[in-house]
PDB file of N, CA and C in Angstrom:
ATOM      1  N   MET A   1      14.916 -12.730 -23.081  1.00  0.00           N
ATOM      2  CA  MET A   1      16.267 -12.935 -22.580  1.00  0.00           C
ATOM      3  C   MET A   1      16.436 -12.187 -21.254  1.00  0.00           C
ATOM      4  N   THR A   2      16.973 -12.853 -20.264  1.00  0.00           N
ATOM      5  CA  THR A   2      17.164 -12.208 -18.968  1.00  0.00           C
ATOM      6  C   THR A   2      18.491 -11.464 -18.946  1.00  0.00           C
ATOM      7  N   LYS A   3      18.486 -10.391 -18.185  1.00  0.00           N
ATOM      8  CA  LYS A   3      19.710  -9.601 -18.074  1.00  0.00           C
ATOM      9  C   LYS A   3      20.585 -10.177 -16.966  1.00  0.00           C
ATOM     10  N   SER A   4      21.861  -9.980 -17.106  1.00  0.00           N
ATOM     11  CA  SER A   4      22.780 -10.455 -16.075  1.00  0.00           C
ATOM     12  C   SER A   4      22.670  -9.549 -14.850  1.00  0.00           C
ATOM     13  N   PRO A   5      23.052 -10.052 -13.663  1.00  0.00           N
ATOM     14  CA  PRO A   5      22.997  -9.225 -12.450  1.00  0.00           C
ATOM     15  C   PRO A   5      23.793  -7.926 -12.568  1.00  0.00           C
ATOM     16  N   VAL A   6      24.896  -7.975 -13.293  1.00  0.00           N
ATOM     17  CA  VAL A   6      25.715  -6.767 -13.460  1.00  0.00           C
ATOM     18  C   VAL A   6      24.943  -5.714 -14.252  1.00  0.00           C
ATOM     19  N   LEU A   7      24.295  -6.149 -15.338  1.00  0.00           N
ATOM     20  CA  LEU A   7      23.510  -5.207 -16.137  1.00  0.00           C
ATOM     21  C   LEU A   7      22.321  -4.669 -15.354  1.00  0.00           C
ATOM     22  N   LEU A   8      21.682  -5.529 -14.557  1.00  0.00           N
ATOM     23  CA  LEU A   8      20.553  -5.079 -13.742  1.00  0.00           C
ATOM     24  C   LEU A   8      20.987  -4.031 -12.726  1.00  0.00           C
ATOM     25  N   ARG A   9      22.134  -4.274 -12.079  1.00  0.00           N
ATOM     26  CA  ARG A   9      22.643  -3.298 -11.107  1.00  0.00           C
ATOM     27  C   ARG A   9      22.962  -1.976 -11.792  1.00  0.00           C
ATOM     28  N   ARG A  10      23.586  -2.068 -12.952  1.00  0.00           N
ATOM     29  CA  ARG A  10      23.957  -0.860 -13.691  1.00  0.00           C
ATOM     30  C   ARG A  10      22.702  -0.077 -14.094  1.00  0.00           C
ATOM     31  N   HIS A  11      21.682  -0.815 -14.555  1.00  0.00           N
ATOM     32  CA  HIS A  11      20.434  -0.165 -14.961  1.00  0.00           C
ATOM     33  C   HIS A  11      19.751   0.490 -13.762  1.00  0.00           C
ATOM     34  N   ARG A  12      19.715  -0.233 -12.625  1.00  0.00           N
ATOM     35  CA  ARG A  12      19.093   0.301 -11.417  1.00  0.00           C
ATOM     36  C   ARG A  12      19.820   1.554 -10.946  1.00  0.00           C
ATOM     37  N   ARG A  13      21.147   1.522 -11.011  1.00  0.00           N
ATOM     38  CA  ARG A  13      21.949   2.677 -10.589  1.00  0.00           C
ATOM     39  C   ARG A  13      21.701   3.873 -11.513  1.00  0.00           C
ATOM     40  N   ARG A  14      21.639   3.605 -12.827  1.00  0.00           N
ATOM     41  CA  ARG A  14      21.387   4.677 -13.791  1.00  0.00           C
ATOM     42  C   ARG A  14      20.012   5.307 -13.556  1.00  0.00           C
ATOM     43  N   ARG A  15      19.021   4.450 -13.272  1.00  0.00           N
ATOM     44  CA  ARG A  15      17.672   4.954 -13.015  1.00  0.00           C
ATOM     45  C   ARG A  15      17.642   5.790 -11.739  1.00  0.00           C
ATOM     46  N   LEU A  16      18.337   5.330 -10.703  1.00  0.00           N
ATOM     47  CA  LEU A  16      18.399   6.077  -9.450  1.00  0.00           C
ATOM     48  C   LEU A  16      19.060   7.436  -9.657  1.00  0.00           C
ATOM     49  N   LEU A  17      20.139   7.462 -10.414  1.00  0.00           N
ATOM     50  CA  LEU A  17      20.808   8.735 -10.696  1.00  0.00           C
ATOM     51  C   LEU A  17      19.899   9.677 -11.477  1.00  0.00           C
ATOM     52  N   ALA A  18      19.107   9.142 -12.393  1.00  0.00           N
ATOM     53  CA  ALA A  18      18.171   9.977 -13.145  1.00  0.00           C
ATOM     54  C   ALA A  18      17.119  10.581 -12.223  1.00  0.00           C
ATOM     55  N   VAL A  19      16.628   9.781 -11.274  1.00  0.00           N
ATOM     56  CA  VAL A  19      15.643  10.285 -10.310  1.00  0.00           C
ATOM     57  C   VAL A  19      16.264  11.368  -9.441  1.00  0.00           C
ATOM     58  N   ILE A  20      17.487  11.143  -8.977  1.00  0.00           N
ATOM     59  CA  ILE A  20      18.165  12.137  -8.138  1.00  0.00           C
ATOM     60  C   ILE A  20      18.370  13.430  -8.913  1.00  0.00           C
ATOM     61  N   ARG A  21      18.789  13.329 -10.174  1.00  0.00           N
ATOM     62  CA  ARG A  21      18.978  14.531 -10.990  1.00  0.00           C
ATOM     63  C   ARG A  21      17.665  15.276 -11.179  1.00  0.00           C
ATOM     64  N   ALA A  22      16.585  14.537 -11.366  1.00  0.00           N
ATOM     65  CA  ALA A  22      15.278  15.175 -11.539  1.00  0.00           C
ATOM     66  C   ALA A  22      14.844  15.871 -10.257  1.00  0.00           C
ATOM     67  N   LEU A  23      15.128  15.244  -9.109  1.00  0.00           N
ATOM     68  CA  LEU A  23      14.753  15.857  -7.832  1.00  0.00           C
ATOM     69  C   LEU A  23      15.587  17.097  -7.539  1.00  0.00           C
ATOM     70  N   GLU A  24      16.842  17.103  -7.981  1.00  0.00           N
ATOM     71  CA  GLU A  24      17.688  18.275  -7.764  1.00  0.00           C
ATOM     72  C   GLU A  24      17.120  19.490  -8.478  1.00  0.00           C
ATOM     73  N   ALA A  25      16.501  19.275  -9.625  1.00  0.00           N
ATOM     74  CA  ALA A  25      15.970  20.388 -10.404  1.00  0.00           C
ATOM     75  C   ALA A  25      14.690  20.961  -9.794  1.00  0.00           C
ATOM     76  N   THR A  26      13.972  20.158  -9.020  1.00  0.00           N
ATOM     77  CA  THR A  26      12.714  20.635  -8.444  1.00  0.00           C
ATOM     78  C   THR A  26      12.977  21.349  -7.131  1.00  0.00           C
ATOM     79  N   SER A  27      11.992  22.128  -6.725  1.00  0.00           N
ATOM     80  CA  SER A  27      12.147  22.876  -5.481  1.00  0.00           C
ATOM     81  C   SER A  27      11.893  21.965  -4.283  1.00  0.00           C
ATOM     82  N   VAL A  28      12.301  22.423  -3.141  1.00  0.00           N
ATOM     83  CA  VAL A  28      12.132  21.650  -1.906  1.00  0.00           C
ATOM     84  C   VAL A  28      10.656  21.477  -1.587  1.00  0.00           C
ATOM     85  N   THR A  29       9.837  22.493  -1.862  1.00  0.00           N
ATOM     86  CA  THR A  29       8.410  22.385  -1.539  1.00  0.00           C
ATOM     87  C   THR A  29       7.727  21.308  -2.375  1.00  0.00           C
ATOM     88  N   VAL A  30       8.117  21.188  -3.635  1.00  0.00           N
ATOM     89  CA  VAL A  30       7.519  20.154  -4.493  1.00  0.00           C
ATOM     90  C   VAL A  30       7.879  18.770  -3.974  1.00  0.00           C
ATOM     91  N   VAL A  31       9.127  18.593  -3.587  1.00  0.00           N
ATOM     92  CA  VAL A  31       9.560  17.301  -3.045  1.00  0.00           C
ATOM     93  C   VAL A  31       8.821  17.009  -1.742  1.00  0.00           C
ATOM     94  N   ALA A  32       8.663  18.031  -0.894  1.00  0.00           N
ATOM     95  CA  ALA A  32       7.952  17.845   0.374  1.00  0.00           C
ATOM     96  C   ALA A  32       6.489  17.477   0.127  1.00  0.00           C
ATOM     97  N   GLU A  33       5.848  18.153  -0.819  1.00  0.00           N
ATOM     98  CA  GLU A  33       4.451  17.832  -1.130  1.00  0.00           C
ATOM     99  C   GLU A  33       4.316  16.414  -1.674  1.00  0.00           C
ATOM    100  N   LEU A  34       5.242  16.024  -2.527  1.00  0.00           N
ATOM    101  CA  LEU A  34       5.233  14.664  -3.064  1.00  0.00           C
ATOM    102  C   LEU A  34       5.385  13.635  -1.948  1.00  0.00           C
ATOM    103  N   LEU A  35       6.249  13.917  -1.003  1.00  0.00           N
ATOM    104  CA  LEU A  35       6.456  13.032   0.139  1.00  0.00           C
ATOM    105  C   LEU A  35       5.193  12.931   0.990  1.00  0.00           C
ATOM    106  N   VAL A  36       4.537  14.065   1.227  1.00  0.00           N
ATOM    107  CA  VAL A  36       3.303  14.068   2.023  1.00  0.00           C
ATOM    108  C   VAL A  36       2.215  13.255   1.327  1.00  0.00           C
ATOM    109  N   VAL A  37       2.063  13.434   0.026  1.00  0.00           N
ATOM    110  CA  VAL A  37       1.049  12.679  -0.721  1.00  0.00           C
ATOM    111  C   VAL A  37       1.343  11.183  -0.666  1.00  0.00           C
ATOM    112  N   THR A  38       2.604  10.821  -0.852  1.00  0.00           N
ATOM    113  CA  THR A  38       2.986   9.407  -0.812  1.00  0.00           C
ATOM    114  C   THR A  38       2.696   8.801   0.556  1.00  0.00           C
ATOM    115  N   LEU A  39       3.080   9.504   1.615  1.00  0.00           N
ATOM    116  CA  LEU A  39       2.840   8.990   2.969  1.00  0.00           C
ATOM    117  C   LEU A  39       1.351   8.902   3.272  1.00  0.00           C
ATOM    118  N   THR A  40       0.572   9.881   2.808  1.00  0.00           N
ATOM    119  CA  THR A  40      -0.874   9.855   3.032  1.00  0.00           C
ATOM    120  C   THR A  40      -1.512   8.656   2.342  1.00  0.00           C
ATOM    121  N   LEU A  41      -1.128   8.425   1.088  1.00  0.00           N
ATOM    122  CA  LEU A  41      -1.668   7.272   0.364  1.00  0.00           C
ATOM    123  C   LEU A  41      -1.275   5.962   1.030  1.00  0.00           C
ATOM    124  N   LEU A  42      -0.037   5.873   1.473  1.00  0.00           N
ATOM    125  CA  LEU A  42       0.436   4.665   2.143  1.00  0.00           C
ATOM    126  C   LEU A  42      -0.334   4.430   3.436  1.00  0.00           C
ATOM    127  N   PHE A  43      -0.538   5.494   4.226  1.00  0.00           N
ATOM    128  CA  PHE A  43      -1.248   5.365   5.496  1.00  0.00           C
ATOM    129  C   PHE A  43      -2.705   4.973   5.273  1.00  0.00           C
ATOM    130  N   SER A  44      -3.358   5.596   4.265  1.00  0.00           N
ATOM    131  CA  SER A  44      -4.764   5.269   4.022  1.00  0.00           C
ATOM    132  C   SER A  44      -4.911   3.827   3.540  1.00  0.00           C
ATOM    133  N   HIS A  45      -3.950   3.349   2.752  1.00  0.00           N
ATOM    134  CA  HIS A  45      -4.003   1.954   2.306  1.00  0.00           C
ATOM    135  C   HIS A  45      -3.848   1.004   3.487  1.00  0.00           C
ATOM    136  N   ARG A  46      -2.915   1.318   4.394  1.00  0.00           N
ATOM    137  CA  ARG A  46      -2.712   0.454   5.565  1.00  0.00           C
ATOM    138  C   ARG A  46      -3.951   0.440   6.447  1.00  0.00           C
ATOM    139  N   THR A  47      -4.597   1.603   6.605  1.00  0.00           N
ATOM    140  CA  THR A  47      -5.812   1.684   7.412  1.00  0.00           C
ATOM    141  C   THR A  47      -6.923   0.856   6.785  1.00  0.00           C
ATOM    142  N   LYS A  48      -7.067   0.974   5.458  1.00  0.00           N
ATOM    143  CA  LYS A  48      -8.104   0.226   4.755  1.00  0.00           C
ATOM    144  C   LYS A  48      -7.855  -1.280   4.868  1.00  0.00           C
ATOM    145  N   ALA A  49      -6.606  -1.684   4.744  1.00  0.00           N
ATOM    146  CA  ALA A  49      -6.263  -3.106   4.847  1.00  0.00           C
ATOM    147  C   ALA A  49      -6.546  -3.628   6.252  1.00  0.00           C
ATOM    148  N   ALA A  50      -6.227  -2.828   7.268  1.00  0.00           N
ATOM    149  CA  ALA A  50      -6.484  -3.247   8.651  1.00  0.00           C
ATOM    150  C   ALA A  50      -7.983  -3.359   8.905  1.00  0.00           C
ATOM    151  N   ARG A  51      -8.765  -2.424   8.369  1.00  0.00           N
ATOM    152  CA  ARG A  51     -10.217  -2.458   8.543  1.00  0.00           C
ATOM    153  C   ARG A  51     -10.795  -3.698   7.864  1.00  0.00           C
ATOM    154  N   HIS A  52     -10.293  -4.023   6.675  1.00  0.00           N
ATOM    155  CA  HIS A  52     -10.761  -5.205   5.949  1.00  0.00           C
ATOM    156  C   HIS A  52     -10.463  -6.473   6.745  1.00  0.00           C
ATOM    157  N   LYS A  53      -9.273  -6.547   7.324  1.00  0.00           N
ATOM    158  CA  LYS A  53      -8.890  -7.718   8.119  1.00  0.00           C
ATOM    159  C   LYS A  53      -9.799  -7.852   9.342  1.00  0.00           C
ATOM    160  N   TYR A  54     -10.110  -6.710   9.994  1.00  0.00           N
ATOM    161  CA  TYR A  54     -10.984  -6.722  11.165  1.00  0.00           C
ATOM    162  C   TYR A  54     -12.380  -7.203  10.778  1.00  0.00           C
ATOM    163  N   CYS A  55     -12.911  -6.727   9.636  1.00  0.00           N
ATOM    164  CA  CYS A  55     -14.245  -7.137   9.192  1.00  0.00           C
ATOM    165  C   CYS A  55     -14.292  -8.629   8.879  1.00  0.00           C
ATOM    166  N   GLN A  56     -13.236  -9.131   8.247  1.00  0.00           N
ATOM    167  CA  GLN A  56     -13.195 -10.570   7.955  1.00  0.00           C
ATOM    168  C   GLN A  56     -13.202 -11.386   9.237  1.00  0.00           C
ATOM    169  N   ARG A  57     -12.432 -10.958  10.244  1.00  0.00           N
ATOM    170  CA  ARG A  57     -12.379 -11.672  11.515  1.00  0.00           C
ATOM    171  C   ARG A  57     -13.746 -11.624  12.196  1.00  0.00           C
ATOM    172  N   ASN A  58     -14.415 -10.471  12.118  1.00  0.00           N
ATOM    173  CA  ASN A  58     -15.735 -10.313  12.707  1.00  0.00           C
ATOM    174  C   ASN A  58     -16.739 -11.247  12.027  1.00  0.00           C
ATOM    175  N   GLN A  59     -16.676 -11.342  10.695  1.00  0.00           N
ATOM    176  CA  GLN A  59     -17.571 -12.242   9.964  1.00  0.00           C
ATOM    177  C   GLN A  59     -17.350 -13.694  10.377  1.00  0.00           C
ATOM    178  N   ARG A  60     -16.095 -14.098  10.500  1.00  0.00           N
ATOM    179  CA  ARG A  60     -15.802 -15.487  10.893  1.00  0.00           C
ATOM    180  C   ARG A  60     -16.342 -15.791  12.286  1.00  0.00           C
ATOM    181  N   SER A  61     -16.210 -14.832  13.200  1.00  0.00           N
ATOM    182  CA  SER A  61     -16.701 -15.090  14.554  1.00  0.00           C
ATOM    183  C   SER A  61     -18.221 -15.165  14.568  1.00  0.00           C
ATOM    184  N   LEU A  62     -18.895 -14.359  13.736  1.00  0.00           N
ATOM    185  CA  LEU A  62     -20.355 -14.441  13.663  1.00  0.00           C
ATOM    186  C   LEU A  62     -20.799 -15.798  13.122  1.00  0.00           C
ATOM    187  N   VAL A  63     -20.103 -16.296  12.117  1.00  0.00           N
ATOM    188  CA  VAL A  63     -20.436 -17.610  11.564  1.00  0.00           C
ATOM    189  C   VAL A  63     -20.213 -18.682  12.620  1.00  0.00           C
ATOM    190  N   ARG A  64     -19.140 -18.546  13.382  1.00  0.00           N
ATOM    191  CA  ARG A  64     -18.805 -19.546  14.394  1.00  0.00           C
ATOM    192  C   ARG A  64     -19.884 -19.630  15.474  1.00  0.00           C
ATOM    193  N   ILE A  65     -20.464 -18.488  15.865  1.00  0.00           N
ATOM    194  CA  ILE A  65     -21.455 -18.534  16.952  1.00  0.00           C
ATOM    195  C   ILE A  65     -22.874 -18.744  16.433  1.00  0.00           C
ATOM    196  N   GLY A  66     -23.028 -18.934  15.102  1.00  0.00           N
ATOM    197  CA  GLY A  66     -24.339 -19.311  14.586  1.00  0.00           C
ATOM    198  C   GLY A  66     -25.078 -18.235  13.832  1.00  0.00           C
ATOM    199  N   PHE A  67     -24.439 -17.143  13.492  1.00  0.00           N
ATOM    200  CA  PHE A  67     -25.079 -16.116  12.677  1.00  0.00           C
ATOM    201  C   PHE A  67     -24.553 -16.221  11.257  1.00  0.00           C
ATOM    202  N   VAL A  68     -25.407 -15.894  10.270  1.00  0.00           N
ATOM    203  CA  VAL A  68     -24.954 -15.850   8.882  1.00  0.00           C
ATOM    204  C   VAL A  68     -25.277 -14.482   8.310  1.00  0.00           C
ATOM    205  N   GLY A  69     -24.610 -14.134   7.222  1.00  0.00           N
ATOM    206  CA  GLY A  69     -24.853 -12.834   6.613  1.00  0.00           C
ATOM    207  C   GLY A  69     -24.011 -11.762   7.260  1.00  0.00           C
ATOM    208  N   SER A  70     -24.379 -10.523   7.031  1.00  0.00           N
ATOM    209  CA  SER A  70     -23.587  -9.413   7.547  1.00  0.00           C
ATOM    210  C   SER A  70     -23.896  -9.179   9.017  1.00  0.00           C
ATOM    211  N   ALA A  71     -23.053  -8.409   9.649  1.00  0.00           N
ATOM    212  CA  ALA A  71     -23.229  -8.112  11.071  1.00  0.00           C
ATOM    213  C   ALA A  71     -24.504  -7.315  11.302  1.00  0.00           C
ATOM    214  N   GLU A  72     -24.923  -6.511  10.302  1.00  0.00           N
ATOM    215  CA  GLU A  72     -26.135  -5.704  10.470  1.00  0.00           C
ATOM    216  C   GLU A  72     -27.384  -6.588  10.484  1.00  0.00           C
ATOM    217  N   LYS A  73     -27.401  -7.624   9.619  1.00  0.00           N
ATOM    218  CA  LYS A  73     -28.580  -8.487   9.533  1.00  0.00           C
ATOM    219  C   LYS A  73     -28.619  -9.471  10.694  1.00  0.00           C
ATOM    220  N   ALA A  74     -27.505 -10.131  10.936  1.00  0.00           N
ATOM    221  CA  ALA A  74     -27.366 -11.087  12.039  1.00  0.00           C
ATOM    222  C   ALA A  74     -28.556 -12.044  12.114  1.00  0.00           C
ATOM    223  N   ILE A  75     -28.749 -12.805  11.057  1.00  0.00           N
ATOM    224  CA  ILE A  75     -29.868 -13.755  11.000  1.00  0.00           C
ATOM    225  C   ILE A  75     -29.458 -15.031  11.728  1.00  0.00           C
ATOM    226  N   ARG A  76     -30.272 -15.450  12.656  1.00  0.00           N
ATOM    227  CA  ARG A  76     -29.971 -16.650  13.440  1.00  0.00           C
ATOM    228  C   ARG A  76     -30.213 -17.893  12.581  1.00  0.00           C
ATOM    229  N   VAL A  77     -29.297 -18.848  12.634  1.00  0.00           N
ATOM    230  CA  VAL A  77     -29.447 -20.094  11.876  1.00  0.00           C
ATOM    231  C   VAL A  77     -30.355 -21.034  12.650  1.00  0.00           C
TER     232      VAL A  77
END
């Protein structure tokens, strides 16, 4: 059974208030460390995704000019 939009909003608000109350109890340094870890993980994921996209583009261009396999092998067709 799906919840109505009103119930979903109420639940989301209650959850947000619970998170805020939990953060109020913790020290500023813990919150700062949590923020740093979150940002670091987010940045490393974005870097990894960008590197993957670059490698895929590089592979496609190698196939287009007549090479197959990885860039290290570069076997001529």
